Amino acid sequence: MPTCQQPCDRKTARSGSPGPCWLLLLSLLVLLQGCAALDEWQRQKLYRPTPVQTPAEWQKLLRSRPDIGVMTVPVEPPGDQVQVLQIPAQEGQVSPVRVLYLHGTYRHAFQNLGKAEPMRRAGMDVVMPDYRGWGASTPRLPSEASIHEDAWAVWQALQAEPMRPGATPPRWVIYGHSMGSAVAVRLARRLQGSSPSSPICALVLESSFTRFSDVAYEGAGWLGRLLAGLGTQDMASIDHIAQVDAPVWFLHGSRDRTVPPVLGRRLYEQAPQTRQWHDWPLDHSDLHTDPTGRYDQVWRQIHASCSPP
């Protein structure tokens, strides 16, 4: 953890007068008197969950997209649930390659449908859960633990779905955007060496990062890292990426002001050797708007690499 001897205000420190570091430490001591409240505040500000406010609003969203199915997955504690959107590439058909889309902070699944379109155009069904706190899932303040639990519960439910007689088990792409990239890495690591009956053919990380504190550091220097270190939320993909045994595709915007590309590059350098890096002159959440068609082409390549012989 950074200390006051680091260069926050060296001139003031030499003069002996109270500097910003001392004021910061005093403020932190006050904050730490209410650790539980600080943790809840940080989780709210960090994840910014967006619930659907009423059942009527949820039904309106469903009516707007009659092609989308919904799967309800129960999670612990009893009574909690995760709502999962099921978006077919072609209505009435099941694709042999499916994408588990793990979204980032703020926007719920319906608000991310635009980002799923290139996957559908490439011929892949998309399954998009809302963690608790988002969409029509149980309205709880999320935590790193609850988000990982929700992703795992959804994965298990998807593997338990009955198959049509004679059908081939689907091949899975695990995709995560922004915060969801950390969820995707953890899930892929958990599935390392999993049964070939449900293989992961690709891990796709868009706008990825090493850990939350590094994002804070890039945005606010050592002060940001210090404040991030006071919380309990880490999302440290850097601790798990080397244990992933699926090919990893990194997608990033070179103009990303939320998660600078340098963090994605650091994660890329620690990934298994079966890896690819692609970037576009775009920002954090708009790669799917690429006017050149290259983003769509990458998704077609992912589909081709995953398609059964």
C-alpha atoms as a PDB file:
ATOM      1  CA  MET A   1       0.000   0.000   0.000  1.00  0.00           C
ATOM      2  CA  PRO A   2       1.352   3.475  -0.823  1.00  0.00           C
ATOM      3  CA  THR A   3       2.579   5.604   2.056  1.00  0.00           C
ATOM      4  CA  CYS A   4       2.835   9.316   2.705  1.00  0.00           C
ATOM      5  CA  GLN A   5       6.503   9.172   1.803  1.00  0.00           C
ATOM      6  CA  GLN A   6       5.506   8.741  -1.817  1.00  0.00           C
ATOM      7  CA  PRO A   7       5.427  11.867  -3.995  1.00  0.00           C
ATOM      8  CA  CYS A   8       2.019  13.369  -3.350  1.00  0.00           C
ATOM      9  CA  ASP A   9       3.467  16.734  -2.352  1.00  0.00           C
ATOM     10  CA  ARG A  10       7.220  16.659  -1.702  1.00  0.00           C
ATOM     11  CA  LYS A  11       7.573  20.460  -1.391  1.00  0.00           C
ATOM     12  CA  THR A  12       4.955  20.624   1.355  1.00  0.00           C
ATOM     13  CA  ALA A  13       6.504  17.625   3.108  1.00  0.00           C
ATOM     14  CA  ARG A  14       9.916  19.356   3.206  1.00  0.00           C
ATOM     15  CA  SER A  15       8.380  22.519   4.659  1.00  0.00           C
ATOM     16  CA  GLY A  16       6.945  20.597   7.607  1.00  0.00           C
ATOM     17  CA  SER A  17       3.439  22.022   7.123  1.00  0.00           C
ATOM     18  CA  PRO A  18       0.409  19.693   6.935  1.00  0.00           C
ATOM     19  CA  GLY A  19       0.186  18.347   3.395  1.00  0.00           C
ATOM     20  CA  PRO A  20      -2.459  16.484   1.379  1.00  0.00           C
ATOM     21  CA  CYS A  21      -1.181  13.105   2.590  1.00  0.00           C
ATOM     22  CA  TRP A  22      -1.904  13.880   6.213  1.00  0.00           C
ATOM     23  CA  LEU A  23      -5.338  15.200   5.324  1.00  0.00           C
ATOM     24  CA  LEU A  24      -5.966  12.056   3.309  1.00  0.00           C
ATOM     25  CA  LEU A  25      -4.904   9.782   6.165  1.00  0.00           C
ATOM     26  CA  LEU A  26      -7.099  11.695   8.586  1.00  0.00           C
ATOM     27  CA  SER A  27     -10.049  11.279   6.235  1.00  0.00           C
ATOM     28  CA  LEU A  28      -9.335   7.563   5.878  1.00  0.00           C
ATOM     29  CA  LEU A  29      -9.254   7.093   9.643  1.00  0.00           C
ATOM     30  CA  VAL A  30     -12.698   8.660   9.851  1.00  0.00           C
ATOM     31  CA  LEU A  31     -13.977   6.465   7.035  1.00  0.00           C
ATOM     32  CA  LEU A  32     -12.571   3.306   8.559  1.00  0.00           C
ATOM     33  CA  GLN A  33     -14.690   3.843  11.667  1.00  0.00           C
ATOM     34  CA  GLY A  34     -17.584   2.616   9.553  1.00  0.00           C
ATOM     35  CA  CYS A  35     -16.018  -0.220   7.552  1.00  0.00           C
ATOM     36  CA  ALA A  36     -19.321  -1.933   6.733  1.00  0.00           C
ATOM     37  CA  ALA A  37     -20.825   1.297   5.470  1.00  0.00           C
ATOM     38  CA  LEU A  38     -17.663   2.021   3.453  1.00  0.00           C
ATOM     39  CA  ASP A  39     -17.785  -1.442   1.885  1.00  0.00           C
ATOM     40  CA  GLU A  40     -21.414  -1.032   0.860  1.00  0.00           C
ATOM     41  CA  TRP A  41     -20.722   2.449  -0.508  1.00  0.00           C
ATOM     42  CA  GLN A  42     -17.777   1.152  -2.548  1.00  0.00           C
ATOM     43  CA  ARG A  43     -19.746  -1.767  -3.970  1.00  0.00           C
ATOM     44  CA  GLN A  44     -22.594   0.525  -4.987  1.00  0.00           C
ATOM     45  CA  LYS A  45     -20.259   3.014  -6.684  1.00  0.00           C
ATOM     46  CA  LEU A  46     -18.097   0.322  -8.247  1.00  0.00           C
ATOM     47  CA  TYR A  47     -20.723  -1.954  -9.746  1.00  0.00           C
ATOM     48  CA  ARG A  48     -23.566   0.575 -10.266  1.00  0.00           C
ATOM     49  CA  PRO A  49     -26.173  -2.202 -10.663  1.00  0.00           C
ATOM     50  CA  THR A  50     -29.156  -1.293 -12.824  1.00  0.00           C
ATOM     51  CA  PRO A  51     -32.311  -3.192 -11.878  1.00  0.00           C
ATOM     52  CA  VAL A  52     -35.528  -3.239 -13.845  1.00  0.00           C
ATOM     53  CA  GLN A  53     -37.758  -1.192 -11.582  1.00  0.00           C
ATOM     54  CA  THR A  54     -41.116  -2.953 -11.895  1.00  0.00           C
ATOM     55  CA  PRO A  55     -42.595  -6.231 -13.190  1.00  0.00           C
ATOM     56  CA  ALA A  56     -44.518  -4.167 -15.740  1.00  0.00           C
ATOM     57  CA  GLU A  57     -41.279  -2.712 -17.090  1.00  0.00           C
ATOM     58  CA  TRP A  58     -39.807  -6.212 -17.370  1.00  0.00           C
ATOM     59  CA  GLN A  59     -42.835  -7.483 -19.280  1.00  0.00           C
ATOM     60  CA  LYS A  60     -42.617  -4.492 -21.609  1.00  0.00           C
ATOM     61  CA  LEU A  61     -38.996  -5.338 -22.380  1.00  0.00           C
ATOM     62  CA  LEU A  62     -39.895  -8.950 -23.102  1.00  0.00           C
ATOM     63  CA  ARG A  63     -42.739  -7.918 -25.419  1.00  0.00           C
ATOM     64  CA  SER A  64     -40.312  -5.704 -27.343  1.00  0.00           C
ATOM     65  CA  ARG A  65     -38.196  -8.756 -28.248  1.00  0.00           C
ATOM     66  CA  PRO A  66     -40.452 -11.791 -28.742  1.00  0.00           C
ATOM     67  CA  ASP A  67     -37.502 -13.680 -30.242  1.00  0.00           C
ATOM     68  CA  ILE A  68     -35.733 -13.729 -26.862  1.00  0.00           C
ATOM     69  CA  GLY A  69     -36.350 -16.481 -24.337  1.00  0.00           C
ATOM     70  CA  VAL A  70     -35.842 -16.249 -20.573  1.00  0.00           C
ATOM     71  CA  MET A  71     -34.363 -18.822 -18.226  1.00  0.00           C
ATOM     72  CA  THR A  72     -34.630 -18.455 -14.445  1.00  0.00           C
ATOM     73  CA  VAL A  73     -31.746 -19.904 -12.427  1.00  0.00           C
ATOM     74  CA  PRO A  74     -32.141 -20.297  -8.632  1.00  0.00           C
ATOM     75  CA  VAL A  75     -29.130 -19.348  -6.503  1.00  0.00           C
ATOM     76  CA  GLU A  76     -28.327 -19.335  -2.793  1.00  0.00           C
ATOM     77  CA  PRO A  77     -29.803 -18.209  -0.453  1.00  0.00           C
ATOM     78  CA  PRO A  78     -33.167 -19.835  -1.233  1.00  0.00           C
ATOM     79  CA  GLY A  79     -35.469 -17.419  -2.987  1.00  0.00           C
ATOM     80  CA  ASP A  80     -32.746 -15.606  -4.914  1.00  0.00           C
ATOM     81  CA  GLN A  81     -32.657 -15.996  -8.669  1.00  0.00           C
ATOM     82  CA  VAL A  82     -30.813 -14.932 -11.803  1.00  0.00           C
ATOM     83  CA  GLN A  83     -32.666 -14.118 -14.996  1.00  0.00           C
ATOM     84  CA  VAL A  84     -30.941 -15.230 -18.201  1.00  0.00           C
ATOM     85  CA  LEU A  85     -31.753 -13.974 -21.697  1.00  0.00           C
ATOM     86  CA  GLN A  86     -31.518 -16.596 -24.450  1.00  0.00           C
ATOM     87  CA  ILE A  87     -30.955 -14.970 -27.842  1.00  0.00           C
ATOM     88  CA  PRO A  88     -30.952 -17.309 -30.850  1.00  0.00           C
ATOM     89  CA  ALA A  89     -28.870 -16.598 -33.924  1.00  0.00           C
ATOM     90  CA  GLN A  90     -31.774 -17.938 -35.985  1.00  0.00           C
ATOM     91  CA  GLU A  91     -35.236 -18.240 -34.502  1.00  0.00           C
ATOM     92  CA  GLY A  92     -36.346 -21.817 -34.030  1.00  0.00           C
ATOM     93  CA  GLN A  93     -32.851 -23.245 -34.454  1.00  0.00           C
ATOM     94  CA  VAL A  94     -30.064 -24.132 -32.019  1.00  0.00           C
ATOM     95  CA  SER A  95     -26.516 -23.170 -32.936  1.00  0.00           C
ATOM     96  CA  PRO A  96     -23.737 -25.717 -32.330  1.00  0.00           C
ATOM     97  CA  VAL A  97     -21.640 -22.821 -30.969  1.00  0.00           C
ATOM     98  CA  ARG A  98     -23.050 -20.720 -28.128  1.00  0.00           C
ATOM     99  CA  VAL A  99     -21.777 -17.643 -26.310  1.00  0.00           C
ATOM    100  CA  LEU A 100     -22.099 -17.115 -22.570  1.00  0.00           C
ATOM    101  CA  TYR A 101     -22.044 -13.303 -22.381  1.00  0.00           C
ATOM    102  CA  LEU A 102     -20.942 -11.931 -18.981  1.00  0.00           C
ATOM    103  CA  HIS A 103     -21.646  -8.215 -18.936  1.00  0.00           C
ATOM    104  CA  GLY A 104     -19.879  -5.438 -17.083  1.00  0.00           C
ATOM    105  CA  THR A 105     -21.020  -2.865 -14.570  1.00  0.00           C
ATOM    106  CA  TYR A 106     -23.987  -0.540 -14.878  1.00  0.00           C
ATOM    107  CA  ARG A 107     -25.996  -1.773 -17.895  1.00  0.00           C
ATOM    108  CA  HIS A 108     -28.278  -4.786 -17.517  1.00  0.00           C
ATOM    109  CA  ALA A 109     -28.629  -7.468 -20.185  1.00  0.00           C
ATOM    110  CA  PHE A 110     -31.375  -5.806 -22.230  1.00  0.00           C
ATOM    111  CA  GLN A 111     -29.241  -2.669 -22.412  1.00  0.00           C
ATOM    112  CA  ASN A 112     -26.362  -4.755 -23.819  1.00  0.00           C
ATOM    113  CA  LEU A 113     -28.272  -6.418 -26.642  1.00  0.00           C
ATOM    114  CA  GLY A 114     -26.526  -4.257 -29.252  1.00  0.00           C
ATOM    115  CA  LYS A 115     -23.164  -5.699 -28.263  1.00  0.00           C
ATOM    116  CA  ALA A 116     -24.500  -9.220 -28.815  1.00  0.00           C
ATOM    117  CA  GLU A 117     -25.480  -8.560 -32.437  1.00  0.00           C
ATOM    118  CA  PRO A 118     -22.043  -9.325 -33.991  1.00  0.00           C
ATOM    119  CA  MET A 119     -22.097 -12.695 -32.210  1.00  0.00           C
ATOM    120  CA  ARG A 120     -25.523 -13.467 -33.651  1.00  0.00           C
ATOM    121  CA  ARG A 121     -24.505 -12.319 -37.115  1.00  0.00           C
ATOM    122  CA  ALA A 122     -21.575 -14.745 -36.884  1.00  0.00           C
ATOM    123  CA  GLY A 123     -24.086 -17.567 -36.323  1.00  0.00           C
ATOM    124  CA  MET A 124     -23.852 -18.087 -32.559  1.00  0.00           C
ATOM    125  CA  ASP A 125     -26.663 -18.214 -30.006  1.00  0.00           C
ATOM    126  CA  VAL A 126     -26.065 -15.833 -27.094  1.00  0.00           C
ATOM    127  CA  VAL A 127     -26.932 -16.511 -23.460  1.00  0.00           C
ATOM    128  CA  MET A 128     -26.813 -13.372 -21.329  1.00  0.00           C
ATOM    129  CA  PRO A 129     -27.411 -13.524 -17.546  1.00  0.00           C
ATOM    130  CA  ASP A 130     -28.050 -10.593 -15.253  1.00  0.00           C
ATOM    131  CA  TYR A 131     -26.202 -10.992 -11.961  1.00  0.00           C
ATOM    132  CA  ARG A 132     -28.221 -10.283  -8.839  1.00  0.00           C
ATOM    133  CA  GLY A 133     -28.740  -6.546  -8.634  1.00  0.00           C
ATOM    134  CA  TRP A 134     -29.196  -6.127 -12.391  1.00  0.00           C
ATOM    135  CA  GLY A 135     -32.229  -6.450 -14.635  1.00  0.00           C
ATOM    136  CA  ALA A 136     -35.023  -8.605 -13.234  1.00  0.00           C
ATOM    137  CA  SER A 137     -32.723 -10.765 -11.114  1.00  0.00           C
ATOM    138  CA  THR A 138     -33.007 -10.603  -7.314  1.00  0.00           C
ATOM    139  CA  PRO A 139     -32.404  -6.964  -6.288  1.00  0.00           C
ATOM    140  CA  ARG A 140     -29.399  -7.350  -3.988  1.00  0.00           C
ATOM    141  CA  LEU A 141     -26.322  -5.141  -3.691  1.00  0.00           C
ATOM    142  CA  PRO A 142     -23.767  -7.240  -5.593  1.00  0.00           C
ATOM    143  CA  SER A 143     -20.325  -8.245  -4.415  1.00  0.00           C
ATOM    144  CA  GLU A 144     -17.424  -9.918  -6.159  1.00  0.00           C
ATOM    145  CA  ALA A 145     -18.409 -13.185  -4.475  1.00  0.00           C
ATOM    146  CA  SER A 146     -22.080 -12.993  -5.493  1.00  0.00           C
ATOM    147  CA  ILE A 147     -21.212 -12.161  -9.107  1.00  0.00           C
ATOM    148  CA  HIS A 148     -18.895 -15.165  -9.409  1.00  0.00           C
ATOM    149  CA  GLU A 149     -21.512 -17.363  -7.718  1.00  0.00           C
ATOM    150  CA  ASP A 150     -24.150 -16.229 -10.204  1.00  0.00           C
ATOM    151  CA  ALA A 151     -21.946 -16.958 -13.213  1.00  0.00           C
ATOM    152  CA  TRP A 152     -21.168 -20.437 -11.878  1.00  0.00           C
ATOM    153  CA  ALA A 153     -24.830 -21.206 -11.157  1.00  0.00           C
ATOM    154  CA  VAL A 154     -25.798 -20.152 -14.685  1.00  0.00           C
ATOM    155  CA  TRP A 155     -23.052 -22.295 -16.208  1.00  0.00           C
ATOM    156  CA  GLN A 156     -24.203 -25.349 -14.257  1.00  0.00           C
ATOM    157  CA  ALA A 157     -27.823 -24.742 -15.265  1.00  0.00           C
ATOM    158  CA  LEU A 158     -26.839 -24.472 -18.937  1.00  0.00           C
ATOM    159  CA  GLN A 159     -24.963 -27.778 -18.765  1.00  0.00           C
ATOM    160  CA  ALA A 160     -27.994 -29.445 -17.188  1.00  0.00           C
ATOM    161  CA  GLU A 161     -30.354 -28.437 -20.005  1.00  0.00           C
ATOM    162  CA  PRO A 162     -31.777 -31.476 -21.786  1.00  0.00           C
ATOM    163  CA  MET A 163     -30.488 -32.121 -25.300  1.00  0.00           C
ATOM    164  CA  ARG A 164     -32.449 -33.220 -28.310  1.00  0.00           C
ATOM    165  CA  PRO A 165     -31.945 -36.913 -29.149  1.00  0.00           C
ATOM    166  CA  GLY A 166     -28.901 -37.333 -31.377  1.00  0.00           C
ATOM    167  CA  ALA A 167     -27.795 -33.724 -30.940  1.00  0.00           C
ATOM    168  CA  THR A 168     -24.124 -32.860 -30.497  1.00  0.00           C
ATOM    169  CA  PRO A 169     -23.198 -31.058 -27.259  1.00  0.00           C
ATOM    170  CA  PRO A 170     -22.690 -27.355 -27.953  1.00  0.00           C
ATOM    171  CA  ARG A 171     -19.263 -25.781 -27.944  1.00  0.00           C
ATOM    172  CA  TRP A 172     -19.021 -22.739 -25.725  1.00  0.00           C
ATOM    173  CA  VAL A 173     -17.453 -19.318 -26.040  1.00  0.00           C
ATOM    174  CA  ILE A 174     -17.153 -17.555 -22.681  1.00  0.00           C
ATOM    175  CA  TYR A 175     -17.191 -13.813 -23.314  1.00  0.00           C
ATOM    176  CA  GLY A 176     -16.723 -11.036 -20.775  1.00  0.00           C
ATOM    177  CA  HIS A 177     -16.795  -7.283 -21.282  1.00  0.00           C
ATOM    178  CA  SER A 178     -15.043  -4.905 -18.857  1.00  0.00           C
ATOM    179  CA  MET A 179     -15.812  -6.135 -15.326  1.00  0.00           C
ATOM    180  CA  GLY A 180     -17.346  -9.206 -16.965  1.00  0.00           C
ATOM    181  CA  SER A 181     -13.925 -10.100 -18.361  1.00  0.00           C
ATOM    182  CA  ALA A 182     -12.754 -10.837 -14.806  1.00  0.00           C
ATOM    183  CA  VAL A 183     -15.842 -12.992 -14.245  1.00  0.00           C
ATOM    184  CA  ALA A 184     -15.118 -14.835 -17.491  1.00  0.00           C
ATOM    185  CA  VAL A 185     -11.474 -15.479 -16.572  1.00  0.00           C
ATOM    186  CA  ARG A 186     -12.439 -16.866 -13.164  1.00  0.00           C
ATOM    187  CA  LEU A 187     -15.094 -19.125 -14.687  1.00  0.00           C
ATOM    188  CA  ALA A 188     -12.734 -20.388 -17.395  1.00  0.00           C
ATOM    189  CA  ARG A 189     -10.060 -21.098 -14.799  1.00  0.00           C
ATOM    190  CA  ARG A 190     -12.614 -22.997 -12.700  1.00  0.00           C
ATOM    191  CA  LEU A 191     -13.458 -25.104 -15.762  1.00  0.00           C
ATOM    192  CA  GLN A 192      -9.845 -25.925 -16.537  1.00  0.00           C
ATOM    193  CA  GLY A 193      -9.667 -29.528 -17.696  1.00  0.00           C
ATOM    194  CA  SER A 194     -13.467 -29.836 -17.709  1.00  0.00           C
ATOM    195  CA  SER A 195     -15.339 -32.682 -19.327  1.00  0.00           C
ATOM    196  CA  PRO A 196     -15.093 -32.779 -23.130  1.00  0.00           C
ATOM    197  CA  SER A 197     -18.866 -33.203 -23.249  1.00  0.00           C
ATOM    198  CA  SER A 198     -19.141 -29.445 -22.884  1.00  0.00           C
ATOM    199  CA  PRO A 199     -15.838 -27.909 -23.978  1.00  0.00           C
ATOM    200  CA  ILE A 200     -14.891 -24.258 -23.911  1.00  0.00           C
ATOM    201  CA  CYS A 201     -13.592 -23.495 -27.356  1.00  0.00           C
ATOM    202  CA  ALA A 202     -12.648 -19.851 -26.702  1.00  0.00           C
ATOM    203  CA  LEU A 203     -12.368 -17.247 -23.969  1.00  0.00           C
ATOM    204  CA  VAL A 204     -13.026 -13.752 -25.348  1.00  0.00           C
ATOM    205  CA  LEU A 205     -12.047 -10.782 -23.178  1.00  0.00           C
ATOM    206  CA  GLU A 206     -13.125  -7.317 -24.273  1.00  0.00           C
ATOM    207  CA  SER A 207     -11.852  -4.178 -22.509  1.00  0.00           C
ATOM    208  CA  SER A 208     -10.120  -6.404 -19.966  1.00  0.00           C
ATOM    209  CA  PHE A 209      -7.841  -5.428 -17.076  1.00  0.00           C
ATOM    210  CA  THR A 210      -5.510  -6.935 -14.514  1.00  0.00           C
ATOM    211  CA  ARG A 211      -7.337  -6.007 -11.268  1.00  0.00           C
ATOM    212  CA  PHE A 212      -9.592  -3.234  -9.986  1.00  0.00           C
ATOM    213  CA  SER A 213      -6.806  -1.437  -8.124  1.00  0.00           C
ATOM    214  CA  ASP A 214      -4.791  -1.126 -11.347  1.00  0.00           C
ATOM    215  CA  VAL A 215      -7.762   0.496 -13.085  1.00  0.00           C
ATOM    216  CA  ALA A 216      -8.007   2.924 -10.162  1.00  0.00           C
ATOM    217  CA  TYR A 217      -4.275   3.623 -10.353  1.00  0.00           C
ATOM    218  CA  GLU A 218      -4.432   4.428 -14.059  1.00  0.00           C
ATOM    219  CA  GLY A 219      -7.311   6.813 -13.430  1.00  0.00           C
ATOM    220  CA  ALA A 220      -6.248   8.480 -10.176  1.00  0.00           C
ATOM    221  CA  GLY A 221      -2.635   7.509  -9.491  1.00  0.00           C
ATOM    222  CA  TRP A 222      -1.522   5.999  -6.203  1.00  0.00           C
ATOM    223  CA  LEU A 223      -4.428   7.700  -4.418  1.00  0.00           C
ATOM    224  CA  GLY A 224      -6.860   5.699  -6.517  1.00  0.00           C
ATOM    225  CA  ARG A 225      -4.990   2.475  -5.732  1.00  0.00           C
ATOM    226  CA  LEU A 226      -4.973   3.322  -2.021  1.00  0.00           C
ATOM    227  CA  LEU A 227      -8.706   3.950  -1.941  1.00  0.00           C
ATOM    228  CA  ALA A 228      -9.345   0.772  -3.964  1.00  0.00           C
ATOM    229  CA  GLY A 229      -7.196  -1.150  -1.493  1.00  0.00           C
ATOM    230  CA  LEU A 230      -9.524  -0.188   1.350  1.00  0.00           C
ATOM    231  CA  GLY A 231     -12.345  -2.198  -0.179  1.00  0.00           C
ATOM    232  CA  THR A 232     -12.950  -5.913  -0.546  1.00  0.00           C
ATOM    233  CA  GLN A 233     -13.487  -6.037  -4.312  1.00  0.00           C
ATOM    234  CA  ASP A 234     -10.469  -7.134  -6.357  1.00  0.00           C
ATOM    235  CA  MET A 235     -11.513  -8.944  -9.578  1.00  0.00           C
ATOM    236  CA  ALA A 236      -7.879  -9.968 -10.089  1.00  0.00           C
ATOM    237  CA  SER A 237      -7.829 -11.634 -13.510  1.00  0.00           C
ATOM    238  CA  ILE A 238      -4.047 -11.460 -13.417  1.00  0.00           C
ATOM    239  CA  ASP A 239      -4.057 -14.138 -10.690  1.00  0.00           C
ATOM    240  CA  HIS A 240      -5.996 -16.645 -12.827  1.00  0.00           C
ATOM    241  CA  ILE A 241      -5.329 -16.065 -16.522  1.00  0.00           C
ATOM    242  CA  ALA A 242      -2.255 -18.335 -16.687  1.00  0.00           C
ATOM    243  CA  GLN A 243      -4.354 -21.324 -15.527  1.00  0.00           C
ATOM    244  CA  VAL A 244      -6.866 -21.005 -18.392  1.00  0.00           C
ATOM    245  CA  ASP A 245      -6.506 -23.805 -20.942  1.00  0.00           C
ATOM    246  CA  ALA A 246      -8.744 -22.390 -23.697  1.00  0.00           C
ATOM    247  CA  PRO A 247      -7.552 -20.121 -26.528  1.00  0.00           C
ATOM    248  CA  VAL A 248      -7.910 -16.487 -25.429  1.00  0.00           C
ATOM    249  CA  TRP A 249      -8.977 -13.624 -27.704  1.00  0.00           C
ATOM    250  CA  PHE A 250      -8.308 -10.090 -26.456  1.00  0.00           C
ATOM    251  CA  LEU A 251     -10.402  -7.263 -27.938  1.00  0.00           C
ATOM    252  CA  HIS A 252      -9.721  -3.668 -26.899  1.00  0.00           C
ATOM    253  CA  GLY A 253     -10.340  -0.081 -27.968  1.00  0.00           C
ATOM    254  CA  SER A 254      -7.147   1.914 -28.408  1.00  0.00           C
ATOM    255  CA  ARG A 255      -9.076   5.001 -27.284  1.00  0.00           C
ATOM    256  CA  ASP A 256     -10.502   3.319 -24.182  1.00  0.00           C
ATOM    257  CA  ARG A 257     -10.564   5.939 -21.414  1.00  0.00           C
ATOM    258  CA  THR A 258     -12.207   3.672 -18.836  1.00  0.00           C
ATOM    259  CA  VAL A 259      -9.812   0.713 -19.006  1.00  0.00           C
ATOM    260  CA  PRO A 260      -6.601   1.812 -20.767  1.00  0.00           C
ATOM    261  CA  PRO A 261      -5.269  -0.722 -23.296  1.00  0.00           C
ATOM    262  CA  VAL A 262      -2.048  -1.048 -21.269  1.00  0.00           C
ATOM    263  CA  LEU A 263      -3.991  -3.074 -18.680  1.00  0.00           C
ATOM    264  CA  GLY A 264      -5.366  -5.413 -21.314  1.00  0.00           C
ATOM    265  CA  ARG A 265      -1.854  -5.820 -22.685  1.00  0.00           C
ATOM    266  CA  ARG A 266      -0.492  -6.742 -19.263  1.00  0.00           C
ATOM    267  CA  LEU A 267      -3.145  -9.437 -18.946  1.00  0.00           C
ATOM    268  CA  TYR A 268      -2.419 -10.614 -22.494  1.00  0.00           C
ATOM    269  CA  GLU A 269       1.260 -11.065 -21.641  1.00  0.00           C
ATOM    270  CA  GLN A 270       0.337 -13.442 -18.797  1.00  0.00           C
ATOM    271  CA  ALA A 271      -2.184 -15.461 -20.812  1.00  0.00           C
ATOM    272  CA  PRO A 272      -1.449 -18.896 -22.281  1.00  0.00           C
ATOM    273  CA  GLN A 273       0.400 -18.848 -25.584  1.00  0.00           C
ATOM    274  CA  THR A 274      -2.746 -19.680 -27.565  1.00  0.00           C
ATOM    275  CA  ARG A 275      -3.846 -16.058 -27.590  1.00  0.00           C
ATOM    276  CA  GLN A 276      -4.694 -13.229 -29.973  1.00  0.00           C
ATOM    277  CA  TRP A 277      -4.805  -9.447 -29.607  1.00  0.00           C
ATOM    278  CA  HIS A 278      -7.093  -7.215 -31.680  1.00  0.00           C
ATOM    279  CA  ASP A 279      -7.682  -3.513 -31.203  1.00  0.00           C
ATOM    280  CA  TRP A 280      -9.736  -0.777 -32.829  1.00  0.00           C
ATOM    281  CA  PRO A 281      -9.563   3.047 -32.666  1.00  0.00           C
ATOM    282  CA  LEU A 282     -12.690   3.065 -30.484  1.00  0.00           C
ATOM    283  CA  ASP A 283     -13.625   3.573 -26.827  1.00  0.00           C
ATOM    284  CA  HIS A 284     -14.654   1.286 -23.983  1.00  0.00           C
ATOM    285  CA  SER A 285     -18.105   0.021 -24.963  1.00  0.00           C
ATOM    286  CA  ASP A 286     -18.458   0.705 -28.678  1.00  0.00           C
ATOM    287  CA  LEU A 287     -16.346  -1.899 -30.474  1.00  0.00           C
ATOM    288  CA  HIS A 288     -19.533  -3.379 -31.931  1.00  0.00           C
ATOM    289  CA  THR A 289     -20.070  -0.099 -33.821  1.00  0.00           C
ATOM    290  CA  ASP A 290     -16.842  -0.594 -35.815  1.00  0.00           C
ATOM    291  CA  PRO A 291     -17.661   0.814 -39.296  1.00  0.00           C
ATOM    292  CA  THR A 292     -14.942  -1.212 -41.047  1.00  0.00           C
ATOM    293  CA  GLY A 293     -16.536  -4.619 -40.441  1.00  0.00           C
ATOM    294  CA  ARG A 294     -13.358  -5.948 -38.834  1.00  0.00           C
ATOM    295  CA  TYR A 295     -15.058  -6.489 -35.461  1.00  0.00           C
ATOM    296  CA  ASP A 296     -17.695  -8.670 -37.158  1.00  0.00           C
ATOM    297  CA  GLN A 297     -14.903 -10.490 -38.977  1.00  0.00           C
ATOM    298  CA  VAL A 298     -13.191 -11.364 -35.694  1.00  0.00           C
ATOM    299  CA  TRP A 299     -16.419 -12.899 -34.428  1.00  0.00           C
ATOM    300  CA  ARG A 300     -16.729 -14.921 -37.622  1.00  0.00           C
ATOM    301  CA  GLN A 301     -13.185 -16.163 -37.003  1.00  0.00           C
ATOM    302  CA  ILE A 302     -14.088 -17.124 -33.429  1.00  0.00           C
ATOM    303  CA  HIS A 303     -17.125 -19.018 -34.719  1.00  0.00           C
ATOM    304  CA  ALA A 304     -15.016 -20.804 -37.334  1.00  0.00           C
ATOM    305  CA  SER A 305     -12.412 -21.816 -34.756  1.00  0.00           C
ATOM    306  CA  CYS A 306     -15.150 -23.266 -32.540  1.00  0.00           C
ATOM    307  CA  SER A 307     -17.263 -25.020 -35.147  1.00  0.00           C
ATOM    308  CA  PRO A 308     -17.226 -28.820 -34.935  1.00  0.00           C
ATOM    309  CA  PRO A 309     -15.426 -30.585 -37.804  1.00  0.00           C
END
